[in-house]
Amino acid sequence: MIKLIASAESSSLSIREFSVDLRVKDSSGELRVIRCRKRVHGDYAKPELSKGWRNYVTDYELRVGDRVVLLAEEDRRLGSQYRIEARRTIILFGHEVCGGLPRAN
């Protein structure tokens, strides 16, 4: 499972909306559009990434256990901007080290 870490305060997706296209900049500087939509199962809504997500996963060769961090940054000129980072934890000399992943493709 790839975990999406984002704060509720940084989300521009309200309870009434079904989806929003997030314009994000990845670690290689590429601007991407990733759709975040609300999927409802049972009593609660759950975020789901769709359009553009598969390309990101492929470009960064993400795998089970990797983490993806979505960061909101306020820009007075442009409004809310988002940055997306892929991270992987490895064991290095017996210690866990988490580092950013470069674009593979």
PDB file of N, CA and C in Angstrom:
ATOM      1  N   MET A   1       0.840  -1.173   0.000  1.00  0.00           N
ATOM      2  CA  MET A   1       0.000   0.000   0.000  1.00  0.00           C
ATOM      3  C   MET A   1       0.887   1.238   0.000  1.00  0.00           C
ATOM      4  N   ILE A   2       0.546   2.189  -0.803  1.00  0.00           N
ATOM      5  CA  ILE A   2       1.231   3.474  -0.820  1.00  0.00           C
ATOM      6  C   ILE A   2       0.393   4.425   0.003  1.00  0.00           C
ATOM      7  N   LYS A   3       1.002   5.050   1.007  1.00  0.00           N
ATOM      8  CA  LYS A   3       0.265   5.930   1.901  1.00  0.00           C
ATOM      9  C   LYS A   3       0.306   7.354   1.379  1.00  0.00           C
ATOM     10  N   LEU A   4      -0.819   8.040   1.450  1.00  0.00           N
ATOM     11  CA  LEU A   4      -0.892   9.457   1.121  1.00  0.00           C
ATOM     12  C   LEU A   4      -0.956  10.205   2.432  1.00  0.00           C
ATOM     13  N   ILE A   5      -0.001  11.091   2.643  1.00  0.00           N
ATOM     14  CA  ILE A   5       0.044  11.866   3.874  1.00  0.00           C
ATOM     15  C   ILE A   5      -0.275  13.305   3.507  1.00  0.00           C
ATOM     16  N   ALA A   6      -1.379  13.812   3.992  1.00  0.00           N
ATOM     17  CA  ALA A   6      -1.765  15.202   3.728  1.00  0.00           C
ATOM     18  C   ALA A   6      -2.601  15.678   4.899  1.00  0.00           C
ATOM     19  N   SER A   7      -2.484  16.948   5.226  1.00  0.00           N
ATOM     20  CA  SER A   7      -3.284  17.455   6.327  1.00  0.00           C
ATOM     21  C   SER A   7      -4.662  17.842   5.819  1.00  0.00           C
ATOM     22  N   ALA A   8      -5.657  17.699   6.669  1.00  0.00           N
ATOM     23  CA  ALA A   8      -7.024  18.056   6.294  1.00  0.00           C
ATOM     24  C   ALA A   8      -7.124  19.544   6.009  1.00  0.00           C
ATOM     25  N   GLU A   9      -6.319  20.350   6.701  1.00  0.00           N
ATOM     26  CA  GLU A   9      -6.357  21.787   6.502  1.00  0.00           C
ATOM     27  C   GLU A   9      -5.871  22.172   5.117  1.00  0.00           C
ATOM     28  N   SER A  10      -4.975  21.385   4.542  1.00  0.00           N
ATOM     29  CA  SER A  10      -4.406  21.731   3.241  1.00  0.00           C
ATOM     30  C   SER A  10      -5.270  21.263   2.087  1.00  0.00           C
ATOM     31  N   SER A  11      -6.299  20.493   2.375  1.00  0.00           N
ATOM     32  CA  SER A  11      -7.138  19.958   1.309  1.00  0.00           C
ATOM     33  C   SER A  11      -8.148  20.988   0.848  1.00  0.00           C
ATOM     34  N   SER A  12      -8.281  21.117  -0.470  1.00  0.00           N
ATOM     35  CA  SER A  12      -9.289  22.026  -1.005  1.00  0.00           C
ATOM     36  C   SER A  12     -10.537  21.254  -1.413  1.00  0.00           C
ATOM     37  N   LEU A  13     -10.664  20.027  -0.967  1.00  0.00           N
ATOM     38  CA  LEU A  13     -11.815  19.188  -1.292  1.00  0.00           C
ATOM     39  C   LEU A  13     -12.815  19.265  -0.144  1.00  0.00           C
ATOM     40  N   SER A  14     -13.958  19.879  -0.396  1.00  0.00           N
ATOM     41  CA  SER A  14     -14.958  20.031   0.658  1.00  0.00           C
ATOM     42  C   SER A  14     -15.820  18.770   0.749  1.00  0.00           C
ATOM     43  N   ILE A  15     -16.609  18.689   1.781  1.00  0.00           N
ATOM     44  CA  ILE A  15     -17.464  17.531   2.010  1.00  0.00           C
ATOM     45  C   ILE A  15     -18.461  17.349   0.868  1.00  0.00           C
ATOM     46  N   ARG A  16     -18.939  18.434   0.284  1.00  0.00           N
ATOM     47  CA  ARG A  16     -19.984  18.356  -0.735  1.00  0.00           C
ATOM     48  C   ARG A  16     -19.447  18.044  -2.124  1.00  0.00           C
ATOM     49  N   GLU A  17     -18.193  18.283  -2.369  1.00  0.00           N
ATOM     50  CA  GLU A  17     -17.632  18.049  -3.693  1.00  0.00           C
ATOM     51  C   GLU A  17     -17.246  16.588  -3.854  1.00  0.00           C
ATOM     52  N   PHE A  18     -17.256  16.123  -5.093  1.00  0.00           N
ATOM     53  CA  PHE A  18     -16.904  14.741  -5.375  1.00  0.00           C
ATOM     54  C   PHE A  18     -15.422  14.597  -5.690  1.00  0.00           C
ATOM     55  N   SER A  19     -14.847  15.563  -6.436  1.00  0.00           N
ATOM     56  CA  SER A  19     -13.425  15.459  -6.776  1.00  0.00           C
ATOM     57  C   SER A  19     -12.824  16.832  -7.048  1.00  0.00           C
ATOM     58  N   VAL A  20     -11.497  16.877  -7.014  1.00  0.00           N
ATOM     59  CA  VAL A  20     -10.759  18.092  -7.334  1.00  0.00           C
ATOM     60  C   VAL A  20      -9.476  17.679  -8.051  1.00  0.00           C
ATOM     61  N   ASP A  21      -9.087  18.450  -9.052  1.00  0.00           N
ATOM     62  CA  ASP A  21      -7.820  18.215  -9.735  1.00  0.00           C
ATOM     63  C   ASP A  21      -6.746  19.034  -9.041  1.00  0.00           C
ATOM     64  N   LEU A  22      -5.777  18.348  -8.442  1.00  0.00           N
ATOM     65  CA  LEU A  22      -4.676  19.017  -7.759  1.00  0.00           C
ATOM     66  C   LEU A  22      -3.544  19.244  -8.746  1.00  0.00           C
ATOM     67  N   ARG A  23      -3.104  20.469  -8.840  1.00  0.00           N
ATOM     68  CA  ARG A  23      -1.946  20.782  -9.670  1.00  0.00           C
ATOM     69  C   ARG A  23      -0.738  20.733  -8.749  1.00  0.00           C
ATOM     70  N   VAL A  24       0.124  19.759  -8.989  1.00  0.00           N
ATOM     71  CA  VAL A  24       1.263  19.528  -8.101  1.00  0.00           C
ATOM     72  C   VAL A  24       2.564  19.595  -8.882  1.00  0.00           C
ATOM     73  N   LYS A  25       3.622  19.968  -8.180  1.00  0.00           N
ATOM     74  CA  LYS A  25       4.955  19.968  -8.775  1.00  0.00           C
ATOM     75  C   LYS A  25       5.730  18.837  -8.125  1.00  0.00           C
ATOM     76  N   ASP A  26       6.306  17.946  -8.950  1.00  0.00           N
ATOM     77  CA  ASP A  26       7.053  16.822  -8.383  1.00  0.00           C
ATOM     78  C   ASP A  26       8.507  17.223  -8.139  1.00  0.00           C
ATOM     79  N   SER A  27       9.288  16.306  -7.594  1.00  0.00           N
ATOM     80  CA  SER A  27      10.668  16.619  -7.205  1.00  0.00           C
ATOM     81  C   SER A  27      11.582  16.906  -8.388  1.00  0.00           C
ATOM     82  N   SER A  28      11.166  16.538  -9.602  1.00  0.00           N
ATOM     83  CA  SER A  28      11.973  16.870 -10.785  1.00  0.00           C
ATOM     84  C   SER A  28      11.535  18.198 -11.394  1.00  0.00           C
ATOM     85  N   GLY A  29      10.538  18.838 -10.780  1.00  0.00           N
ATOM     86  CA  GLY A  29      10.070  20.136 -11.251  1.00  0.00           C
ATOM     87  C   GLY A  29       8.926  20.076 -12.248  1.00  0.00           C
ATOM     88  N   GLU A  30       8.473  18.862 -12.583  1.00  0.00           N
ATOM     89  CA  GLU A  30       7.379  18.722 -13.546  1.00  0.00           C
ATOM     90  C   GLU A  30       6.044  19.042 -12.881  1.00  0.00           C
ATOM     91  N   LEU A  31       5.230  19.818 -13.584  1.00  0.00           N
ATOM     92  CA  LEU A  31       3.880  20.102 -13.110  1.00  0.00           C
ATOM     93  C   LEU A  31       2.962  18.972 -13.556  1.00  0.00           C
ATOM     94  N   ARG A  32       2.167  18.475 -12.634  1.00  0.00           N
ATOM     95  CA  ARG A  32       1.268  17.356 -12.907  1.00  0.00           C
ATOM     96  C   ARG A  32      -0.121  17.698 -12.401  1.00  0.00           C
ATOM     97  N   VAL A  33      -1.102  17.024 -12.961  1.00  0.00           N
ATOM     98  CA  VAL A  33      -2.470  17.123 -12.466  1.00  0.00           C
ATOM     99  C   VAL A  33      -2.857  15.736 -11.968  1.00  0.00           C
ATOM    100  N   ILE A  34      -3.181  15.660 -10.687  1.00  0.00           N
ATOM    101  CA  ILE A  34      -3.611  14.401 -10.078  1.00  0.00           C
ATOM    102  C   ILE A  34      -4.981  14.636  -9.463  1.00  0.00           C
ATOM    103  N   ARG A  35      -5.927  13.819  -9.843  1.00  0.00           N
ATOM    104  CA  ARG A  35      -7.295  13.970  -9.342  1.00  0.00           C
ATOM    105  C   ARG A  35      -7.442  13.255  -8.002  1.00  0.00           C
ATOM    106  N   CYS A  36      -7.980  13.978  -7.042  1.00  0.00           N
ATOM    107  CA  CYS A  36      -8.309  13.410  -5.731  1.00  0.00           C
ATOM    108  C   CYS A  36      -9.825  13.425  -5.634  1.00  0.00           C
ATOM    109  N   ARG A  37     -10.399  12.258  -5.464  1.00  0.00           N
ATOM    110  CA  ARG A  37     -11.850  12.202  -5.371  1.00  0.00           C
ATOM    111  C   ARG A  37     -12.270  11.525  -4.078  1.00  0.00           C
ATOM    112  N   LYS A  38     -13.502  11.757  -3.739  1.00  0.00           N
ATOM    113  CA  LYS A  38     -14.051  11.222  -2.506  1.00  0.00           C
ATOM    114  C   LYS A  38     -14.764   9.916  -2.820  1.00  0.00           C
ATOM    115  N   ARG A  39     -14.304   8.852  -2.185  1.00  0.00           N
ATOM    116  CA  ARG A  39     -14.927   7.542  -2.340  1.00  0.00           C
ATOM    117  C   ARG A  39     -15.612   7.203  -1.026  1.00  0.00           C
ATOM    118  N   VAL A  40     -16.867   6.884  -1.096  1.00  0.00           N
ATOM    119  CA  VAL A  40     -17.626   6.606   0.126  1.00  0.00           C
ATOM    120  C   VAL A  40     -17.916   5.114   0.222  1.00  0.00           C
ATOM    121  N   HIS A  41     -17.456   4.512   1.298  1.00  0.00           N
ATOM    122  CA  HIS A  41     -17.758   3.117   1.631  1.00  0.00           C
ATOM    123  C   HIS A  41     -18.174   3.106   3.090  1.00  0.00           C
ATOM    124  N   GLY A  42     -19.358   2.649   3.351  1.00  0.00           N
ATOM    125  CA  GLY A  42     -19.818   2.622   4.731  1.00  0.00           C
ATOM    126  C   GLY A  42     -20.178   4.013   5.218  1.00  0.00           C
ATOM    127  N   ASP A  43     -19.737   4.338   6.424  1.00  0.00           N
ATOM    128  CA  ASP A  43     -20.132   5.590   7.064  1.00  0.00           C
ATOM    129  C   ASP A  43     -19.157   6.742   6.859  1.00  0.00           C
ATOM    130  N   TYR A  44     -18.066   6.537   6.148  1.00  0.00           N
ATOM    131  CA  TYR A  44     -17.095   7.623   6.026  1.00  0.00           C
ATOM    132  C   TYR A  44     -16.565   7.733   4.598  1.00  0.00           C
ATOM    133  N   ALA A  45     -16.134   8.940   4.269  1.00  0.00           N
ATOM    134  CA  ALA A  45     -15.546   9.193   2.953  1.00  0.00           C
ATOM    135  C   ALA A  45     -14.049   8.932   3.028  1.00  0.00           C
ATOM    136  N   LYS A  46     -13.496   8.430   1.944  1.00  0.00           N
ATOM    137  CA  LYS A  46     -12.076   8.101   1.902  1.00  0.00           C
ATOM    138  C   LYS A  46     -11.479   8.727   0.638  1.00  0.00           C
ATOM    139  N   PRO A  47     -10.317   9.402   0.746  1.00  0.00           N
ATOM    140  CA  PRO A  47      -9.721   9.990  -0.456  1.00  0.00           C
ATOM    141  C   PRO A  47      -9.148   8.917  -1.375  1.00  0.00           C
ATOM    142  N   GLU A  48      -9.269   9.161  -2.667  1.00  0.00           N
ATOM    143  CA  GLU A  48      -8.752   8.231  -3.669  1.00  0.00           C
ATOM    144  C   GLU A  48      -8.103   9.053  -4.779  1.00  0.00           C
ATOM    145  N   LEU A  49      -6.902   8.672  -5.164  1.00  0.00           N
ATOM    146  CA  LEU A  49      -6.206   9.357  -6.251  1.00  0.00           C
ATOM    147  C   LEU A  49      -6.478   8.615  -7.546  1.00  0.00           C
ATOM    148  N   SER A  50      -6.829   9.358  -8.593  1.00  0.00           N
ATOM    149  CA  SER A  50      -7.144   8.699  -9.864  1.00  0.00           C
ATOM    150  C   SER A  50      -6.343   9.346 -10.995  1.00  0.00           C
ATOM    151  N   LYS A  51      -6.961  10.125 -11.838  1.00  0.00           N
ATOM    152  CA  LYS A  51      -6.326  10.700 -13.032  1.00  0.00           C
ATOM    153  C   LYS A  51      -4.920  11.234 -12.719  1.00  0.00           C
ATOM    154  N   GLY A  52      -3.944  10.800 -13.467  1.00  0.00           N
ATOM    155  CA  GLY A  52      -2.574  11.264 -13.299  1.00  0.00           C
ATOM    156  C   GLY A  52      -1.759  10.481 -12.279  1.00  0.00           C
ATOM    157  N   TRP A  53      -2.428   9.760 -11.394  1.00  0.00           N
ATOM    158  CA  TRP A  53      -1.733   9.037 -10.325  1.00  0.00           C
ATOM    159  C   TRP A  53      -0.901   7.885 -10.872  1.00  0.00           C
ATOM    160  N   ARG A  54      -1.464   7.111 -11.787  1.00  0.00           N
ATOM    161  CA  ARG A  54      -0.752   5.954 -12.336  1.00  0.00           C
ATOM    162  C   ARG A  54       0.547   6.394 -13.030  1.00  0.00           C
ATOM    163  N   ASN A  55       0.507   7.506 -13.750  1.00  0.00           N
ATOM    164  CA  ASN A  55       1.718   8.010 -14.406  1.00  0.00           C
ATOM    165  C   ASN A  55       2.785   8.369 -13.380  1.00  0.00           C
ATOM    166  N   TYR A  56       2.371   8.988 -12.273  1.00  0.00           N
ATOM    167  CA  TYR A  56       3.320   9.340 -11.219  1.00  0.00           C
ATOM    168  C   TYR A  56       3.952   8.083 -10.621  1.00  0.00           C
ATOM    169  N   VAL A  57       3.129   7.094 -10.318  1.00  0.00           N
ATOM    170  CA  VAL A  57       3.620   5.829  -9.749  1.00  0.00           C
ATOM    171  C   VAL A  57       4.627   5.180 -10.693  1.00  0.00           C
ATOM    172  N   THR A  58       4.333   5.177 -11.981  1.00  0.00           N
ATOM    173  CA  THR A  58       5.231   4.584 -12.982  1.00  0.00           C
ATOM    174  C   THR A  58       6.523   5.382 -13.110  1.00  0.00           C
ATOM    175  N   ASP A  59       6.413   6.707 -13.196  1.00  0.00           N
ATOM    176  CA  ASP A  59       7.595   7.555 -13.371  1.00  0.00           C
ATOM    177  C   ASP A  59       8.577   7.441 -12.210  1.00  0.00           C
ATOM    178  N   TYR A  60       8.070   7.239 -11.001  1.00  0.00           N
ATOM    179  CA  TYR A  60       8.935   7.143  -9.822  1.00  0.00           C
ATOM    180  C   TYR A  60       9.145   5.700  -9.364  1.00  0.00           C
ATOM    181  N   GLU A  61       8.622   4.754 -10.127  1.00  0.00           N
ATOM    182  CA  GLU A  61       8.748   3.330  -9.819  1.00  0.00           C
ATOM    183  C   GLU A  61       8.407   3.038  -8.360  1.00  0.00           C
ATOM    184  N   LEU A  62       7.254   3.545  -7.933  1.00  0.00           N
ATOM    185  CA  LEU A  62       6.821   3.329  -6.556  1.00  0.00           C
ATOM    186  C   LEU A  62       6.440   1.877  -6.340  1.00  0.00           C
ATOM    187  N   ARG A  63       6.640   1.420  -5.120  1.00  0.00           N
ATOM    188  CA  ARG A  63       6.297   0.044  -4.774  1.00  0.00           C
ATOM    189  C   ARG A  63       5.693   0.012  -3.371  1.00  0.00           C
ATOM    190  N   VAL A  64       5.202  -1.142  -2.992  1.00  0.00           N
ATOM    191  CA  VAL A  64       4.579  -1.313  -1.686  1.00  0.00           C
ATOM    192  C   VAL A  64       5.553  -0.863  -0.602  1.00  0.00           C
ATOM    193  N   GLY A  65       5.059  -0.051   0.330  1.00  0.00           N
ATOM    194  CA  GLY A  65       5.877   0.442   1.430  1.00  0.00           C
ATOM    195  C   GLY A  65       6.421   1.841   1.207  1.00  0.00           C
ATOM    196  N   ASP A  66       6.424   2.316  -0.040  1.00  0.00           N
ATOM    197  CA  ASP A  66       6.874   3.680  -0.308  1.00  0.00           C
ATOM    198  C   ASP A  66       5.860   4.668   0.257  1.00  0.00           C
ATOM    199  N   ARG A  67       6.328   5.879   0.505  1.00  0.00           N
ATOM    200  CA  ARG A  67       5.454   6.930   1.022  1.00  0.00           C
ATOM    201  C   ARG A  67       5.409   8.071   0.024  1.00  0.00           C
ATOM    202  N   VAL A  68       4.255   8.676  -0.050  1.00  0.00           N
ATOM    203  CA  VAL A  68       4.080   9.853  -0.888  1.00  0.00           C
ATOM    204  C   VAL A  68       3.574  10.967   0.014  1.00  0.00           C
ATOM    205  N   VAL A  69       4.253  12.104  -0.036  1.00  0.00           N
ATOM    206  CA  VAL A  69       3.893  13.237   0.801  1.00  0.00           C
ATOM    207  C   VAL A  69       3.378  14.350  -0.099  1.00  0.00           C
ATOM    208  N   LEU A  70       2.214  14.867   0.230  1.00  0.00           N
ATOM    209  CA  LEU A  70       1.612  15.973  -0.494  1.00  0.00           C
ATOM    210  C   LEU A  70       1.683  17.191   0.412  1.00  0.00           C
ATOM    211  N   LEU A  71       2.391  18.213  -0.036  1.00  0.00           N
ATOM    212  CA  LEU A  71       2.606  19.406   0.776  1.00  0.00           C
ATOM    213  C   LEU A  71       1.883  20.595   0.163  1.00  0.00           C
ATOM    214  N   ALA A  72       1.147  21.335   0.991  1.00  0.00           N
ATOM    215  CA  ALA A  72       0.472  22.550   0.530  1.00  0.00           C
ATOM    216  C   ALA A  72       1.372  23.741   0.823  1.00  0.00           C
ATOM    217  N   GLU A  73       1.496  24.607  -0.160  1.00  0.00           N
ATOM    218  CA  GLU A  73       2.287  25.823   0.008  1.00  0.00           C
ATOM    219  C   GLU A  73       1.435  26.995  -0.459  1.00  0.00           C
ATOM    220  N   GLU A  74       1.328  28.009   0.368  1.00  0.00           N
ATOM    221  CA  GLU A  74       0.545  29.187  -0.001  1.00  0.00           C
ATOM    222  C   GLU A  74       1.419  30.158  -0.789  1.00  0.00           C
ATOM    223  N   ASP A  75       0.894  30.611  -1.906  1.00  0.00           N
ATOM    224  CA  ASP A  75       1.563  31.599  -2.748  1.00  0.00           C
ATOM    225  C   ASP A  75       0.596  32.767  -2.890  1.00  0.00           C
ATOM    226  N   ARG A  76       0.999  33.943  -2.455  1.00  0.00           N
ATOM    227  CA  ARG A  76       0.088  35.095  -2.475  1.00  0.00           C
ATOM    228  C   ARG A  76      -0.357  35.455  -3.881  1.00  0.00           C
ATOM    229  N   ARG A  77       0.504  35.225  -4.861  1.00  0.00           N
ATOM    230  CA  ARG A  77       0.156  35.534  -6.253  1.00  0.00           C
ATOM    231  C   ARG A  77      -0.730  34.464  -6.866  1.00  0.00           C
ATOM    232  N   LEU A  78      -0.378  33.211  -6.666  1.00  0.00           N
ATOM    233  CA  LEU A  78      -1.025  32.114  -7.377  1.00  0.00           C
ATOM    234  C   LEU A  78      -2.055  31.350  -6.552  1.00  0.00           C
ATOM    235  N   GLY A  79      -2.124  31.600  -5.265  1.00  0.00           N
ATOM    236  CA  GLY A  79      -3.031  30.836  -4.404  1.00  0.00           C
ATOM    237  C   GLY A  79      -2.351  29.567  -3.913  1.00  0.00           C
ATOM    238  N   SER A  80      -3.138  28.562  -3.578  1.00  0.00           N
ATOM    239  CA  SER A  80      -2.587  27.307  -3.055  1.00  0.00           C
ATOM    240  C   SER A  80      -1.814  26.564  -4.136  1.00  0.00           C
ATOM    241  N   GLN A  81      -0.653  26.109  -3.777  1.00  0.00           N
ATOM    242  CA  GLN A  81       0.184  25.296  -4.646  1.00  0.00           C
ATOM    243  C   GLN A  81       0.505  24.016  -3.876  1.00  0.00           C
ATOM    244  N   TYR A  82       0.708  22.932  -4.610  1.00  0.00           N
ATOM    245  CA  TYR A  82       1.018  21.665  -3.965  1.00  0.00           C
ATOM    246  C   TYR A  82       2.311  21.095  -4.526  1.00  0.00           C
ATOM    247  N   ARG A  83       3.047  20.442  -3.646  1.00  0.00           N
ATOM    248  CA  ARG A  83       4.274  19.752  -4.022  1.00  0.00           C
ATOM    249  C   ARG A  83       4.097  18.300  -3.620  1.00  0.00           C
ATOM    250  N   ILE A  84       4.587  17.389  -4.456  1.00  0.00           N
ATOM    251  CA  ILE A  84       4.456  15.964  -4.166  1.00  0.00           C
ATOM    252  C   ILE A  84       5.852  15.347  -4.127  1.00  0.00           C
ATOM    253  N   GLU A  85       6.095  14.534  -3.114  1.00  0.00           N
ATOM    254  CA  GLU A  85       7.399  13.888  -2.948  1.00  0.00           C
ATOM    255  C   GLU A  85       7.203  12.397  -2.685  1.00  0.00           C
ATOM    256  N   ALA A  86       8.016  11.592  -3.334  1.00  0.00           N
ATOM    257  CA  ALA A  86       8.025  10.145  -3.097  1.00  0.00           C
ATOM    258  C   ALA A  86       9.209   9.823  -2.193  1.00  0.00           C
ATOM    259  N   ARG A  87       8.978   8.980  -1.198  1.00  0.00           N
ATOM    260  CA  ARG A  87      10.038   8.613  -0.249  1.00  0.00           C
ATOM    261  C   ARG A  87      10.060   7.104  -0.053  1.00  0.00           C
ATOM    262  N   ARG A  88      11.256   6.597   0.179  1.00  0.00           N
ATOM    263  CA  ARG A  88      11.429   5.161   0.415  1.00  0.00           C
ATOM    264  C   ARG A  88      12.324   4.981   1.638  1.00  0.00           C
ATOM    265  N   THR A  89      11.959   4.023   2.490  1.00  0.00           N
ATOM    266  CA  THR A  89      12.769   3.694   3.660  1.00  0.00           C
ATOM    267  C   THR A  89      13.629   2.484   3.326  1.00  0.00           C
ATOM    268  N   ILE A  90      14.918   2.607   3.614  1.00  0.00           N
ATOM    269  CA  ILE A  90      15.849   1.499   3.403  1.00  0.00           C
ATOM    270  C   ILE A  90      16.616   1.252   4.703  1.00  0.00           C
ATOM    271  N   ILE A  91      17.225   0.088   4.798  1.00  0.00           N
ATOM    272  CA  ILE A  91      18.087  -0.230   5.936  1.00  0.00           C
ATOM    273  C   ILE A  91      19.524   0.017   5.491  1.00  0.00           C
ATOM    274  N   LEU A  92      20.206   0.918   6.186  1.00  0.00           N
ATOM    275  CA  LEU A  92      21.581   1.271   5.854  1.00  0.00           C
ATOM    276  C   LEU A  92      22.435   1.097   7.105  1.00  0.00           C
ATOM    277  N   PHE A  93      23.355   0.164   7.072  1.00  0.00           N
ATOM    278  CA  PHE A  93      24.211  -0.141   8.219  1.00  0.00           C
ATOM    279  C   PHE A  93      23.386  -0.397   9.479  1.00  0.00           C
ATOM    280  N   GLY A  94      22.268  -1.120   9.311  1.00  0.00           N
ATOM    281  CA  GLY A  94      21.434  -1.497  10.439  1.00  0.00           C
ATOM    282  C   GLY A  94      20.456  -0.432  10.908  1.00  0.00           C
ATOM    283  N   HIS A  95      20.410   0.711  10.235  1.00  0.00           N
ATOM    284  CA  HIS A  95      19.505   1.795  10.629  1.00  0.00           C
ATOM    285  C   HIS A  95      18.528   2.090   9.493  1.00  0.00           C
ATOM    286  N   GLU A  96      17.283   2.408   9.867  1.00  0.00           N
ATOM    287  CA  GLU A  96      16.301   2.805   8.858  1.00  0.00           C
ATOM    288  C   GLU A  96      16.568   4.241   8.425  1.00  0.00           C
ATOM    289  N   VAL A  97      16.617   4.440   7.120  1.00  0.00           N
ATOM    290  CA  VAL A  97      16.846   5.766   6.553  1.00  0.00           C
ATOM    291  C   VAL A  97      15.755   6.017   5.519  1.00  0.00           C
ATOM    292  N   CYS A  98      15.082   7.152   5.637  1.00  0.00           N
ATOM    293  CA  CYS A  98      14.031   7.512   4.684  1.00  0.00           C
ATOM    294  C   CYS A  98      14.562   8.625   3.794  1.00  0.00           C
ATOM    295  N   GLY A  99      14.489   8.409   2.485  1.00  0.00           N
ATOM    296  CA  GLY A  99      14.999   9.410   1.556  1.00  0.00           C
ATOM    297  C   GLY A  99      14.075   9.609   0.374  1.00  0.00           C
ATOM    298  N   GLY A 100      14.256  10.739  -0.285  1.00  0.00           N
ATOM    299  CA  GLY A 100      13.463  11.052  -1.464  1.00  0.00           C
ATOM    300  C   GLY A 100      13.860  10.189  -2.646  1.00  0.00           C
ATOM    301  N   LEU A 101      12.890   9.900  -3.501  1.00  0.00           N
ATOM    302  CA  LEU A 101      13.138   9.098  -4.700  1.00  0.00           C
ATOM    303  C   LEU A 101      13.268  10.006  -5.911  1.00  0.00           C
ATOM    304  N   PRO A 102      14.289   9.804  -6.725  1.00  0.00           N
ATOM    305  CA  PRO A 102      14.391  10.564  -7.977  1.00  0.00           C
ATOM    306  C   PRO A 102      13.458   9.963  -9.019  1.00  0.00           C
ATOM    307  N   ARG A 103      13.138  10.750 -10.012  1.00  0.00           N
ATOM    308  CA  ARG A 103      12.313  10.247 -11.106  1.00  0.00           C
ATOM    309  C   ARG A 103      13.107   9.202 -11.872  1.00  0.00           C
ATOM    310  N   ALA A 104      12.496   8.054 -12.123  1.00  0.00           N
ATOM    311  CA  ALA A 104      13.182   6.953 -12.803  1.00  0.00           C
ATOM    312  C   ALA A 104      13.033   7.048 -14.313  1.00  0.00           C
ATOM    313  N   ASN A 105      11.911   7.552 -14.791  1.00  0.00           N
ATOM    314  CA  ASN A 105      11.654   7.637 -16.239  1.00  0.00           C
ATOM    315  C   ASN A 105      11.689   9.068 -16.707  1.00  0.00           C
TER     316      ASN A 105
END
